[in-house]
Amino acid sequence: SPIQYTNYFVQALPGRDMGSASSGAVQQHVESARKTGVCSLSGLKLKEFPADLLSLKGNLRTLDLSGNRLTALPPSLGELGLLRSLNMSSNTLEYLPESIGNLKKLETLQLSRNSLADLPDSLVNLKSLKTVNLSHNKLQSFPRFLCQLTKIDAVDLSGNLIAELPAGVECLNVVELNLNQNRIKVLPSSLAKCPRLKVLRVEENTLELKDLPLSILSESLVSLLCADGNLFLQRDLQALPEYQKYMERYTNTKRKVG
């Protein structure tokens, strides 16, 4: 049976077709959040960031605005300084405000299924981040800020337009890295030096076998390597002498989990 790993990423699904939410409906959610610190406005077809949310800056810890029609976020987002979880998945965001870097308590950032091509430099200030989901956007380069986050556990960059990984990627502190469905042609050998990387997903890229560093098999901590859908056959990967070292780690992890 396959290894069971922690499911870091919970995909946001648009809510039922309720029509655009009235200001009264939003206000009702806001009032509830005053008591709980949690506000879910998912799937309400909102086109603008509700200004009423700013009245929660003294206690809002979790905000879910997934499955709406938001094209932008206001600079005032940065005033919600107690946020630990922000879910903006399944909107039509093309950029993020620099002020998002003020959310220094943020641990979970979900931005999948938007139209983000660039990211603000201020994201490097989010030192508490543990989980980042930027899947299915329009990113053409690997977000370098991720390499400076010491508490990061999991990053999902699948479904973007990334062609290569940057110098310094060995500083990436993640346990799981998902690069499926990008345009990656080569993996740097430095990726094998990532100090905590155990799950590496590079399915459906344009990798040839010669561009998969042997050090990932023989010297890294990776115990689950998913590489189907590239320009080589799985049996050719398995025929490499170094593959046996990888299989030892895979089997040991499977034994521990099972």
C-alpha atoms as a PDB file:
ATOM      1  CA  SER A   1       0.000   0.000   0.000  1.00  0.00           C
ATOM      2  CA  PRO A   2       1.262   3.538  -0.679  1.00  0.00           C
ATOM      3  CA  ILE A   3       2.839   5.595   2.065  1.00  0.00           C
ATOM      4  CA  GLN A   4       0.321   7.782   3.847  1.00  0.00           C
ATOM      5  CA  TYR A   5       1.666  11.296   4.290  1.00  0.00           C
ATOM      6  CA  THR A   6       0.079  14.222   6.057  1.00  0.00           C
ATOM      7  CA  ASN A   7      -2.305  15.995   3.746  1.00  0.00           C
ATOM      8  CA  TYR A   8      -1.005  19.545   4.053  1.00  0.00           C
ATOM      9  CA  PHE A   9      -3.178  20.923   1.303  1.00  0.00           C
ATOM     10  CA  VAL A  10      -6.944  21.170   1.482  1.00  0.00           C
ATOM     11  CA  GLN A  11      -8.349  22.359  -1.812  1.00  0.00           C
ATOM     12  CA  ALA A  12     -11.052  24.989  -1.503  1.00  0.00           C
ATOM     13  CA  LEU A  13     -14.191  24.206  -3.398  1.00  0.00           C
ATOM     14  CA  PRO A  14     -16.600  26.938  -4.474  1.00  0.00           C
ATOM     15  CA  GLY A  15     -19.752  27.012  -2.429  1.00  0.00           C
ATOM     16  CA  ARG A  16     -23.289  26.447  -3.650  1.00  0.00           C
ATOM     17  CA  ASP A  17     -24.814  28.882  -6.099  1.00  0.00           C
ATOM     18  CA  MET A  18     -26.350  31.294  -3.635  1.00  0.00           C
ATOM     19  CA  GLY A  19     -26.197  34.418  -5.766  1.00  0.00           C
ATOM     20  CA  SER A  20     -24.118  37.395  -4.691  1.00  0.00           C
ATOM     21  CA  ALA A  21     -24.128  37.753  -0.947  1.00  0.00           C
ATOM     22  CA  SER A  22     -25.985  40.749   0.433  1.00  0.00           C
ATOM     23  CA  SER A  23     -24.215  43.098   2.821  1.00  0.00           C
ATOM     24  CA  GLY A  24     -26.547  41.781   5.512  1.00  0.00           C
ATOM     25  CA  ALA A  25     -25.394  38.222   4.962  1.00  0.00           C
ATOM     26  CA  VAL A  26     -21.752  39.278   5.167  1.00  0.00           C
ATOM     27  CA  GLN A  27     -22.476  41.278   8.310  1.00  0.00           C
ATOM     28  CA  GLN A  28     -24.022  38.210   9.906  1.00  0.00           C
ATOM     29  CA  HIS A  29     -20.821  36.242   9.306  1.00  0.00           C
ATOM     30  CA  VAL A  30     -18.764  39.140  10.636  1.00  0.00           C
ATOM     31  CA  GLU A  31     -20.797  39.325  13.835  1.00  0.00           C
ATOM     32  CA  SER A  32     -20.325  35.614  14.395  1.00  0.00           C
ATOM     33  CA  ALA A  33     -16.586  35.991  13.843  1.00  0.00           C
ATOM     34  CA  ARG A  34     -16.383  38.548  16.665  1.00  0.00           C
ATOM     35  CA  LYS A  35     -16.971  35.645  19.043  1.00  0.00           C
ATOM     36  CA  THR A  36     -15.054  32.890  17.272  1.00  0.00           C
ATOM     37  CA  GLY A  37     -12.171  34.629  15.495  1.00  0.00           C
ATOM     38  CA  VAL A  38     -13.114  32.584  12.407  1.00  0.00           C
ATOM     39  CA  CYS A  39     -14.863  34.045   9.354  1.00  0.00           C
ATOM     40  CA  SER A  40     -15.877  31.931   6.349  1.00  0.00           C
ATOM     41  CA  LEU A  41     -17.261  33.775   3.333  1.00  0.00           C
ATOM     42  CA  SER A  42     -16.559  31.015   0.835  1.00  0.00           C
ATOM     43  CA  GLY A  43     -18.569  30.673  -2.367  1.00  0.00           C
ATOM     44  CA  LEU A  44     -20.647  33.825  -1.982  1.00  0.00           C
ATOM     45  CA  LYS A  45     -19.728  35.315  -5.398  1.00  0.00           C
ATOM     46  CA  LEU A  46     -18.184  38.355  -3.736  1.00  0.00           C
ATOM     47  CA  LYS A  47     -16.545  40.774  -6.154  1.00  0.00           C
ATOM     48  CA  GLU A  48     -14.955  43.035  -3.550  1.00  0.00           C
ATOM     49  CA  PHE A  49     -13.142  42.491  -0.280  1.00  0.00           C
ATOM     50  CA  PRO A  50     -15.750  43.187   2.439  1.00  0.00           C
ATOM     51  CA  ALA A  51     -14.725  46.333   4.305  1.00  0.00           C
ATOM     52  CA  ASP A  52     -16.609  45.059   7.371  1.00  0.00           C
ATOM     53  CA  LEU A  53     -13.792  42.554   7.928  1.00  0.00           C
ATOM     54  CA  LEU A  54     -11.516  45.360   9.084  1.00  0.00           C
ATOM     55  CA  SER A  55     -13.637  45.707  12.203  1.00  0.00           C
ATOM     56  CA  LEU A  56     -12.285  42.269  13.183  1.00  0.00           C
ATOM     57  CA  LYS A  57      -8.609  43.202  13.198  1.00  0.00           C
ATOM     58  CA  GLY A  58      -8.498  42.799  16.969  1.00  0.00           C
ATOM     59  CA  ASN A  59      -9.431  39.099  16.951  1.00  0.00           C
ATOM     60  CA  LEU A  60      -9.682  37.559  13.453  1.00  0.00           C
ATOM     61  CA  ARG A  61      -7.444  34.467  13.233  1.00  0.00           C
ATOM     62  CA  THR A  62      -8.939  32.554  10.265  1.00  0.00           C
ATOM     63  CA  LEU A  63     -10.350  34.090   7.066  1.00  0.00           C
ATOM     64  CA  ASP A  64     -11.774  32.050   4.176  1.00  0.00           C
ATOM     65  CA  LEU A  65     -12.752  33.976   1.045  1.00  0.00           C
ATOM     66  CA  SER A  66     -12.267  31.073  -1.364  1.00  0.00           C
ATOM     67  CA  GLY A  67     -14.559  30.453  -4.319  1.00  0.00           C
ATOM     68  CA  ASN A  68     -15.526  34.078  -4.918  1.00  0.00           C
ATOM     69  CA  ARG A  69     -14.901  36.552  -7.748  1.00  0.00           C
ATOM     70  CA  LEU A  70     -12.270  38.775  -6.187  1.00  0.00           C
ATOM     71  CA  THR A  71      -9.827  40.361  -8.632  1.00  0.00           C
ATOM     72  CA  ALA A  72      -7.786  42.297  -6.055  1.00  0.00           C
ATOM     73  CA  LEU A  73      -7.158  42.663  -2.350  1.00  0.00           C
ATOM     74  CA  PRO A  74      -6.942  46.102  -0.691  1.00  0.00           C
ATOM     75  CA  PRO A  75      -3.832  47.392   1.104  1.00  0.00           C
ATOM     76  CA  SER A  76      -5.937  47.363   4.277  1.00  0.00           C
ATOM     77  CA  LEU A  77      -5.601  43.555   4.301  1.00  0.00           C
ATOM     78  CA  GLY A  78      -2.343  44.134   6.155  1.00  0.00           C
ATOM     79  CA  GLU A  79      -4.273  45.494   9.133  1.00  0.00           C
ATOM     80  CA  LEU A  80      -5.539  41.998   9.992  1.00  0.00           C
ATOM     81  CA  GLY A  81      -2.356  41.347  11.907  1.00  0.00           C
ATOM     82  CA  LEU A  82      -3.632  38.442  14.018  1.00  0.00           C
ATOM     83  CA  LEU A  83      -4.476  36.226  11.037  1.00  0.00           C
ATOM     84  CA  ARG A  84      -3.019  32.730  11.207  1.00  0.00           C
ATOM     85  CA  SER A  85      -4.856  31.253   8.212  1.00  0.00           C
ATOM     86  CA  LEU A  86      -5.837  33.007   4.971  1.00  0.00           C
ATOM     87  CA  ASN A  87      -7.625  31.161   2.170  1.00  0.00           C
ATOM     88  CA  MET A  88      -8.099  33.090  -1.084  1.00  0.00           C
ATOM     89  CA  SER A  89      -8.225  30.059  -3.395  1.00  0.00           C
ATOM     90  CA  SER A  90     -10.443  29.965  -6.477  1.00  0.00           C
ATOM     91  CA  ASN A  91     -10.744  33.671  -7.132  1.00  0.00           C
ATOM     92  CA  THR A  92      -9.311  35.713 -10.028  1.00  0.00           C
ATOM     93  CA  LEU A  93      -6.497  37.533  -8.235  1.00  0.00           C
ATOM     94  CA  GLU A  94      -3.771  38.927 -10.496  1.00  0.00           C
ATOM     95  CA  TYR A  95      -1.616  40.475  -7.783  1.00  0.00           C
ATOM     96  CA  LEU A  96      -1.263  40.763  -4.020  1.00  0.00           C
ATOM     97  CA  PRO A  97      -0.776  43.985  -2.053  1.00  0.00           C
ATOM     98  CA  GLU A  98       2.631  44.612  -0.491  1.00  0.00           C
ATOM     99  CA  SER A  99       0.820  44.967   2.820  1.00  0.00           C
ATOM    100  CA  ILE A 100       0.283  41.198   2.953  1.00  0.00           C
ATOM    101  CA  GLY A 101       3.783  41.136   4.388  1.00  0.00           C
ATOM    102  CA  ASN A 102       2.373  42.673   7.587  1.00  0.00           C
ATOM    103  CA  LEU A 103       0.518  39.432   8.423  1.00  0.00           C
ATOM    104  CA  LYS A 104       3.450  38.172  10.452  1.00  0.00           C
ATOM    105  CA  LYS A 105       1.473  35.605  12.436  1.00  0.00           C
ATOM    106  CA  LEU A 106       0.232  33.888   9.269  1.00  0.00           C
ATOM    107  CA  GLU A 107       0.890  30.136   9.258  1.00  0.00           C
ATOM    108  CA  THR A 108      -1.267  28.956   6.342  1.00  0.00           C
ATOM    109  CA  LEU A 109      -1.584  30.802   3.024  1.00  0.00           C
ATOM    110  CA  GLN A 110      -3.802  29.299   0.329  1.00  0.00           C
ATOM    111  CA  LEU A 111      -3.854  31.072  -3.029  1.00  0.00           C
ATOM    112  CA  SER A 112      -4.472  28.214  -5.446  1.00  0.00           C
ATOM    113  CA  ARG A 113      -6.472  28.683  -8.646  1.00  0.00           C
ATOM    114  CA  ASN A 114      -5.961  32.385  -9.196  1.00  0.00           C
ATOM    115  CA  SER A 115      -4.121  34.313 -11.936  1.00  0.00           C
ATOM    116  CA  LEU A 116      -0.994  35.336 -10.055  1.00  0.00           C
ATOM    117  CA  ALA A 117       2.058  35.885 -12.272  1.00  0.00           C
ATOM    118  CA  ASP A 118       4.162  37.815  -9.749  1.00  0.00           C
ATOM    119  CA  LEU A 119       4.366  37.981  -5.978  1.00  0.00           C
ATOM    120  CA  PRO A 120       5.275  40.920  -3.723  1.00  0.00           C
ATOM    121  CA  ASP A 121       8.725  40.994  -2.128  1.00  0.00           C
ATOM    122  CA  SER A 122       7.084  41.559   1.256  1.00  0.00           C
ATOM    123  CA  LEU A 123       6.116  37.860   1.491  1.00  0.00           C
ATOM    124  CA  VAL A 124       9.598  37.226   2.851  1.00  0.00           C
ATOM    125  CA  ASN A 125       8.406  38.859   6.099  1.00  0.00           C
ATOM    126  CA  LEU A 126       5.929  36.038   6.777  1.00  0.00           C
ATOM    127  CA  LYS A 127       8.348  34.106   8.974  1.00  0.00           C
ATOM    128  CA  SER A 128       5.620  32.054  10.673  1.00  0.00           C
ATOM    129  CA  LEU A 129       4.406  30.398   7.458  1.00  0.00           C
ATOM    130  CA  LYS A 130       4.163  26.606   7.589  1.00  0.00           C
ATOM    131  CA  THR A 131       1.989  25.840   4.546  1.00  0.00           C
ATOM    132  CA  VAL A 132       1.868  27.715   1.226  1.00  0.00           C
ATOM    133  CA  ASN A 133      -0.373  26.705  -1.670  1.00  0.00           C
ATOM    134  CA  LEU A 134       0.198  28.638  -4.900  1.00  0.00           C
ATOM    135  CA  SER A 135      -0.906  25.877  -7.251  1.00  0.00           C
ATOM    136  CA  HIS A 136      -2.631  26.597 -10.557  1.00  0.00           C
ATOM    137  CA  ASN A 137      -1.534  30.172 -11.049  1.00  0.00           C
ATOM    138  CA  LYS A 138       0.667  31.777 -13.738  1.00  0.00           C
ATOM    139  CA  LEU A 139       4.005  31.862 -11.934  1.00  0.00           C
ATOM    140  CA  GLN A 140       6.984  31.609 -14.296  1.00  0.00           C
ATOM    141  CA  SER A 141       9.698  31.588 -11.662  1.00  0.00           C
ATOM    142  CA  PHE A 142      10.174  29.802  -8.369  1.00  0.00           C
ATOM    143  CA  PRO A 143       9.269  32.175  -5.471  1.00  0.00           C
ATOM    144  CA  ARG A 144      12.646  32.848  -3.861  1.00  0.00           C
ATOM    145  CA  PHE A 145      11.130  34.074  -0.614  1.00  0.00           C
ATOM    146  CA  LEU A 146      10.287  30.460   0.226  1.00  0.00           C
ATOM    147  CA  CYS A 147      13.981  29.718   0.705  1.00  0.00           C
ATOM    148  CA  GLN A 148      14.123  32.192   3.594  1.00  0.00           C
ATOM    149  CA  LEU A 149      11.262  30.734   5.656  1.00  0.00           C
ATOM    150  CA  THR A 150      12.588  28.552   8.457  1.00  0.00           C
ATOM    151  CA  LYS A 151       9.258  27.155   9.691  1.00  0.00           C
ATOM    152  CA  ILE A 152       7.882  26.117   6.306  1.00  0.00           C
ATOM    153  CA  ASP A 153       6.656  22.509   6.091  1.00  0.00           C
ATOM    154  CA  ALA A 154       4.887  22.234   2.741  1.00  0.00           C
ATOM    155  CA  VAL A 155       4.788  24.152  -0.532  1.00  0.00           C
ATOM    156  CA  ASP A 156       2.505  23.425  -3.482  1.00  0.00           C
ATOM    157  CA  LEU A 157       3.515  25.099  -6.762  1.00  0.00           C
ATOM    158  CA  SER A 158       1.863  22.587  -9.083  1.00  0.00           C
ATOM    159  CA  GLY A 159       0.133  23.756 -12.238  1.00  0.00           C
ATOM    160  CA  ASN A 160       2.288  26.823 -12.910  1.00  0.00           C
ATOM    161  CA  LEU A 161       4.790  27.793 -15.638  1.00  0.00           C
ATOM    162  CA  ILE A 162       8.021  27.342 -13.684  1.00  0.00           C
ATOM    163  CA  ALA A 163      10.969  26.273 -15.848  1.00  0.00           C
ATOM    164  CA  GLU A 164      13.832  26.083 -13.347  1.00  0.00           C
ATOM    165  CA  LEU A 165      14.744  26.227  -9.689  1.00  0.00           C
ATOM    166  CA  PRO A 166      16.925  29.091  -8.400  1.00  0.00           C
ATOM    167  CA  ALA A 167      20.383  29.051  -6.921  1.00  0.00           C
ATOM    168  CA  GLY A 168      20.118  28.677  -3.177  1.00  0.00           C
ATOM    169  CA  VAL A 169      17.246  26.183  -3.346  1.00  0.00           C
ATOM    170  CA  GLU A 170      19.203  23.996  -0.912  1.00  0.00           C
ATOM    171  CA  CYS A 171      18.117  26.439   1.813  1.00  0.00           C
ATOM    172  CA  LEU A 172      14.494  25.451   1.295  1.00  0.00           C
ATOM    173  CA  ASN A 173      13.323  24.004   4.609  1.00  0.00           C
ATOM    174  CA  VAL A 174      10.194  22.173   3.455  1.00  0.00           C
ATOM    175  CA  VAL A 175       9.233  18.568   4.158  1.00  0.00           C
ATOM    176  CA  GLU A 176       7.057  18.378   1.039  1.00  0.00           C
ATOM    177  CA  LEU A 177       7.541  20.188  -2.288  1.00  0.00           C
ATOM    178  CA  ASN A 178       5.013  19.813  -5.105  1.00  0.00           C
ATOM    179  CA  LEU A 179       6.225  20.933  -8.534  1.00  0.00           C
ATOM    180  CA  ASN A 180       3.877  18.791 -10.628  1.00  0.00           C
ATOM    181  CA  GLN A 181       2.654  20.127 -13.977  1.00  0.00           C
ATOM    182  CA  ASN A 182       5.223  22.824 -14.593  1.00  0.00           C
ATOM    183  CA  ARG A 183       7.853  23.235 -17.344  1.00  0.00           C
ATOM    184  CA  ILE A 184      10.915  22.103 -15.441  1.00  0.00           C
ATOM    185  CA  LYS A 185      13.678  20.734 -17.681  1.00  0.00           C
ATOM    186  CA  VAL A 186      16.369  20.123 -15.081  1.00  0.00           C
ATOM    187  CA  LEU A 187      16.611  19.735 -11.305  1.00  0.00           C
ATOM    188  CA  PRO A 188      19.710  21.168  -9.602  1.00  0.00           C
ATOM    189  CA  SER A 189      21.852  18.751  -7.620  1.00  0.00           C
ATOM    190  CA  SER A 190      21.675  21.215  -4.721  1.00  0.00           C
ATOM    191  CA  LEU A 191      18.059  20.119  -4.182  1.00  0.00           C
ATOM    192  CA  ALA A 192      19.471  16.986  -2.557  1.00  0.00           C
ATOM    193  CA  LYS A 193      20.917  19.168   0.210  1.00  0.00           C
ATOM    194  CA  CYS A 194      17.541  20.441   1.444  1.00  0.00           C
ATOM    195  CA  PRO A 195      17.711  19.644   5.164  1.00  0.00           C
ATOM    196  CA  ARG A 196      14.140  18.325   5.648  1.00  0.00           C
ATOM    197  CA  LEU A 197      12.862  17.425   2.169  1.00  0.00           C
ATOM    198  CA  LYS A 198      11.173  14.006   2.243  1.00  0.00           C
ATOM    199  CA  VAL A 199       8.428  14.281  -0.399  1.00  0.00           C
ATOM    200  CA  LEU A 200       9.325  15.577  -3.868  1.00  0.00           C
ATOM    201  CA  ARG A 201       6.668  15.683  -6.592  1.00  0.00           C
ATOM    202  CA  VAL A 202       7.821  16.539 -10.125  1.00  0.00           C
ATOM    203  CA  GLU A 203       5.238  14.709 -12.231  1.00  0.00           C
ATOM    204  CA  GLU A 204       4.288  15.965 -15.700  1.00  0.00           C
ATOM    205  CA  ASN A 205       7.262  18.218 -16.365  1.00  0.00           C
ATOM    206  CA  THR A 206       9.801  17.949 -19.210  1.00  0.00           C
ATOM    207  CA  LEU A 207      12.624  16.182 -17.351  1.00  0.00           C
ATOM    208  CA  GLU A 208      14.925  13.744 -19.080  1.00  0.00           C
ATOM    209  CA  LEU A 209      16.518  11.074 -16.924  1.00  0.00           C
ATOM    210  CA  LYS A 210      19.948  12.697 -17.232  1.00  0.00           C
ATOM    211  CA  ASP A 211      18.482  15.870 -15.738  1.00  0.00           C
ATOM    212  CA  LEU A 212      17.363  14.137 -12.546  1.00  0.00           C
ATOM    213  CA  PRO A 213      20.391  14.387 -10.226  1.00  0.00           C
ATOM    214  CA  LEU A 214      21.574  11.039  -8.903  1.00  0.00           C
ATOM    215  CA  SER A 215      22.275  12.725  -5.571  1.00  0.00           C
ATOM    216  CA  ILE A 216      18.511  13.006  -4.983  1.00  0.00           C
ATOM    217  CA  LEU A 217      18.412   9.216  -5.072  1.00  0.00           C
ATOM    218  CA  SER A 218      21.625   8.461  -3.228  1.00  0.00           C
ATOM    219  CA  GLU A 219      22.302  11.328  -0.814  1.00  0.00           C
ATOM    220  CA  SER A 220      19.086  13.188  -0.014  1.00  0.00           C
ATOM    221  CA  LEU A 221      16.418  12.562   2.626  1.00  0.00           C
ATOM    222  CA  VAL A 222      13.732  12.135  -0.040  1.00  0.00           C
ATOM    223  CA  SER A 223      11.694   9.021   0.726  1.00  0.00           C
ATOM    224  CA  LEU A 224       8.852   9.652  -1.743  1.00  0.00           C
ATOM    225  CA  LEU A 225       9.811  10.736  -5.258  1.00  0.00           C
ATOM    226  CA  CYS A 226       6.931  11.103  -7.729  1.00  0.00           C
ATOM    227  CA  ALA A 227       8.250  11.636 -11.259  1.00  0.00           C
ATOM    228  CA  ASP A 228       5.760  10.028 -13.654  1.00  0.00           C
ATOM    229  CA  GLY A 229       4.823  11.857 -16.832  1.00  0.00           C
ATOM    230  CA  ASN A 230       8.297  13.119 -17.758  1.00  0.00           C
ATOM    231  CA  LEU A 231      10.545  12.259 -20.722  1.00  0.00           C
ATOM    232  CA  PHE A 232      11.761   8.943 -19.313  1.00  0.00           C
ATOM    233  CA  LEU A 233      10.281   5.612 -18.342  1.00  0.00           C
ATOM    234  CA  GLN A 234       9.878   4.699 -14.711  1.00  0.00           C
ATOM    235  CA  ARG A 235      11.687   1.399 -15.321  1.00  0.00           C
ATOM    236  CA  ASP A 236      14.755   3.301 -16.543  1.00  0.00           C
ATOM    237  CA  LEU A 237      14.767   5.301 -13.325  1.00  0.00           C
ATOM    238  CA  GLN A 238      14.450   2.111 -11.308  1.00  0.00           C
ATOM    239  CA  ALA A 239      17.384   0.556 -13.202  1.00  0.00           C
ATOM    240  CA  LEU A 240      19.841   3.152 -11.897  1.00  0.00           C
ATOM    241  CA  PRO A 241      22.208   1.777  -9.205  1.00  0.00           C
ATOM    242  CA  GLU A 242      21.440   4.792  -6.997  1.00  0.00           C
ATOM    243  CA  TYR A 243      17.742   3.943  -7.011  1.00  0.00           C
ATOM    244  CA  GLN A 244      18.363   1.217  -4.438  1.00  0.00           C
ATOM    245  CA  LYS A 245      19.426   3.786  -1.844  1.00  0.00           C
ATOM    246  CA  TYR A 246      16.202   5.669  -2.450  1.00  0.00           C
ATOM    247  CA  MET A 247      14.173   2.474  -2.093  1.00  0.00           C
ATOM    248  CA  GLU A 248      15.772   1.816   1.283  1.00  0.00           C
ATOM    249  CA  ARG A 249      14.493   5.154   2.536  1.00  0.00           C
ATOM    250  CA  TYR A 250      11.094   4.555   0.937  1.00  0.00           C
ATOM    251  CA  THR A 251      10.772   1.138   2.590  1.00  0.00           C
ATOM    252  CA  ASN A 252      11.942   2.413   5.995  1.00  0.00           C
ATOM    253  CA  THR A 253       9.386   5.231   5.886  1.00  0.00           C
ATOM    254  CA  LYS A 254       6.642   2.865   4.827  1.00  0.00           C
ATOM    255  CA  ARG A 255       7.530   0.570   7.711  1.00  0.00           C
ATOM    256  CA  LYS A 256       7.401   3.434  10.231  1.00  0.00           C
ATOM    257  CA  VAL A 257       4.073   4.740   8.942  1.00  0.00           C
ATOM    258  CA  GLY A 258       2.541   1.281   8.591  1.00  0.00           C
END
